[in-house]
Amino acid sequence: QVQLVESGGGSVQAGGSLRLSCAASGGTFNVMDMGWFRQIPGVDQDRRIVACISWRAGSAHYRDSLGGRFTITRDHNKTAVSLQMNTLESEDTAIYYCYLDAYERGLMWGQGTHVTISS
């Protein structure tokens, strides 16, 4: 079964850090890019981009409002991405979704992982 498995969510105080990880399994993937979206339940109608990274070039792009607090990295061998989140703010509280966009398979989503920042 082809799937994306996320880990690393949880609860921390404002100013703290979390690291989210996401790995693809169950098949082979010709990846274009992977990344993360987030959605605030009851607030956001749609998921909003957080960060993405192109698979071949490794070019990373981030949501403008993050202010350099987040870093996305990729692991070719594991078809995985990680999102290091530092100096977390209450506004970062959301459900974070990993995605993988592949040339043949198209777009895949993880199940979502909860991140809660307390002030």
Protein backbone atom coordinates (compact mmCIF):
# COMPACT_ATOMS: atom_id res chain seq x y z
CA GLN A 1 0.00 0.00 0.00
CA VAL A 2 1.44 3.32 -1.07
CA GLN A 3 1.33 5.83 1.74
CA LEU A 4 2.99 8.78 3.43
CA VAL A 5 3.66 8.35 7.12
CA GLU A 6 4.16 11.44 9.26
CA SER A 7 5.65 11.71 12.71
CA GLY A 8 6.93 14.29 15.14
CA GLY A 9 3.89 16.36 15.97
CA GLY A 10 3.02 17.25 19.53
CA SER A 11 2.69 20.04 22.02
CA VAL A 12 5.36 22.53 23.02
CA GLN A 13 5.50 25.96 24.59
CA ALA A 14 5.97 29.08 22.53
CA GLY A 15 9.61 29.56 21.64
CA GLY A 16 10.25 25.84 21.50
CA SER A 17 11.05 23.55 18.58
CA LEU A 18 9.59 20.53 16.86
CA ARG A 19 10.76 18.38 13.99
CA LEU A 20 8.23 16.78 11.67
CA SER A 21 9.16 13.85 9.46
CA CYS A 22 7.40 12.23 6.55
CA ALA A 23 8.39 9.11 4.63
CA ALA A 24 6.86 7.46 1.60
CA SER A 25 6.46 3.71 1.48
CA GLY A 26 4.85 0.93 -0.49
CA GLY A 27 6.22 1.71 -3.92
CA THR A 28 8.73 3.51 -6.05
CA PHE A 29 8.40 7.21 -6.64
CA ASN A 30 9.64 9.53 -9.35
CA VAL A 31 9.33 12.58 -7.16
CA MET A 32 8.93 16.13 -8.39
CA ASP A 33 8.70 17.70 -4.97
CA MET A 34 7.63 17.09 -1.39
CA GLY A 35 6.57 19.45 1.32
CA TRP A 36 4.16 20.48 4.03
CA PHE A 37 0.84 22.26 4.24
CA ARG A 38 -1.06 23.16 7.38
CA GLN A 39 -4.66 23.82 8.27
CA ILE A 40 -6.15 25.40 11.38
CA PRO A 41 -9.37 23.53 12.19
CA GLY A 42 -12.39 25.79 12.23
CA VAL A 43 -10.41 28.68 10.77
CA ASP A 44 -8.86 27.64 7.46
CA GLN A 45 -11.13 26.34 4.75
CA ASP A 46 -8.14 25.08 2.82
CA ARG A 47 -4.68 23.84 3.58
CA ARG A 48 -1.98 26.47 3.32
CA ILE A 49 1.52 25.86 2.06
CA VAL A 50 4.27 25.87 4.68
CA ALA A 51 7.32 24.68 2.77
CA CYS A 52 8.29 22.59 -0.22
CA ILE A 53 11.48 21.24 -1.73
CA SER A 54 12.22 20.21 -5.30
CA TRP A 55 13.52 16.70 -5.39
CA ARG A 56 16.31 16.92 -7.93
CA ALA A 57 17.67 20.40 -7.31
CA GLY A 58 16.84 20.57 -3.63
CA SER A 59 15.44 24.08 -3.93
CA ALA A 60 13.40 24.99 -0.88
CA HIS A 61 10.56 27.49 -0.71
CA TYR A 62 8.72 28.75 2.35
CA ARG A 63 5.58 30.58 3.29
CA ASP A 64 6.55 34.27 3.51
CA SER A 65 5.19 34.77 7.01
CA LEU A 66 7.46 32.15 8.61
CA GLY A 67 10.35 34.56 8.95
CA GLY A 68 13.05 31.96 8.48
CA ARG A 69 12.01 29.88 11.47
CA PHE A 70 11.38 26.66 9.53
CA THR A 71 13.79 24.53 7.49
CA ILE A 72 12.82 21.73 5.12
CA THR A 73 15.25 18.99 4.13
CA ARG A 74 14.96 15.88 1.98
CA ASP A 75 16.41 12.37 2.07
CA HIS A 76 16.68 10.77 -1.36
CA ASN A 77 17.44 7.32 -0.04
CA LYS A 78 14.33 7.17 2.11
CA THR A 79 12.00 9.32 -0.05
CA ALA A 80 11.45 11.42 3.03
CA VAL A 81 11.31 15.02 4.11
CA SER A 82 11.69 16.70 7.46
CA LEU A 83 10.55 20.07 8.69
CA GLN A 84 12.55 21.64 11.50
CA MET A 85 10.39 24.25 13.22
CA ASN A 86 12.07 26.67 15.60
CA THR A 87 10.89 29.58 17.70
CA LEU A 88 7.36 28.28 17.47
CA GLU A 89 4.46 30.67 17.99
CA SER A 90 0.85 30.06 18.95
CA GLU A 91 -0.09 30.94 15.38
CA ASP A 92 1.77 27.81 14.24
CA THR A 93 -0.83 25.63 15.94
CA ALA A 94 -2.43 23.56 13.19
CA ILE A 95 -2.66 20.17 11.59
CA TYR A 96 0.38 19.67 9.37
CA TYR A 97 0.05 17.58 6.23
CA CYS A 98 2.91 16.13 4.24
CA TYR A 99 2.55 15.80 0.49
CA LEU A 100 4.45 14.12 -2.30
CA ASP A 101 4.00 15.07 -5.95
CA ALA A 102 5.27 12.43 -8.34
CA TYR A 103 5.48 12.43 -12.12
CA GLU A 104 3.43 9.27 -12.65
CA ARG A 105 1.50 8.84 -9.42
CA GLY A 106 0.45 12.45 -8.99
CA LEU A 107 -0.29 14.07 -5.64
CA MET A 108 -0.33 12.09 -2.39
CA TRP A 109 -1.12 13.28 1.14
CA GLY A 110 -0.22 12.10 4.59
CA GLN A 111 -2.81 11.65 7.29
CA GLY A 112 -1.86 14.84 9.14
CA THR A 113 -0.10 15.42 12.42
CA HIS A 114 -1.19 17.82 15.14
CA VAL A 115 1.06 20.61 16.34
CA THR A 116 -0.05 22.61 19.38
CA ILE A 117 1.87 25.61 20.68
CA SER A 118 0.94 26.95 24.09
CA SER A 119 1.77 30.49 25.17
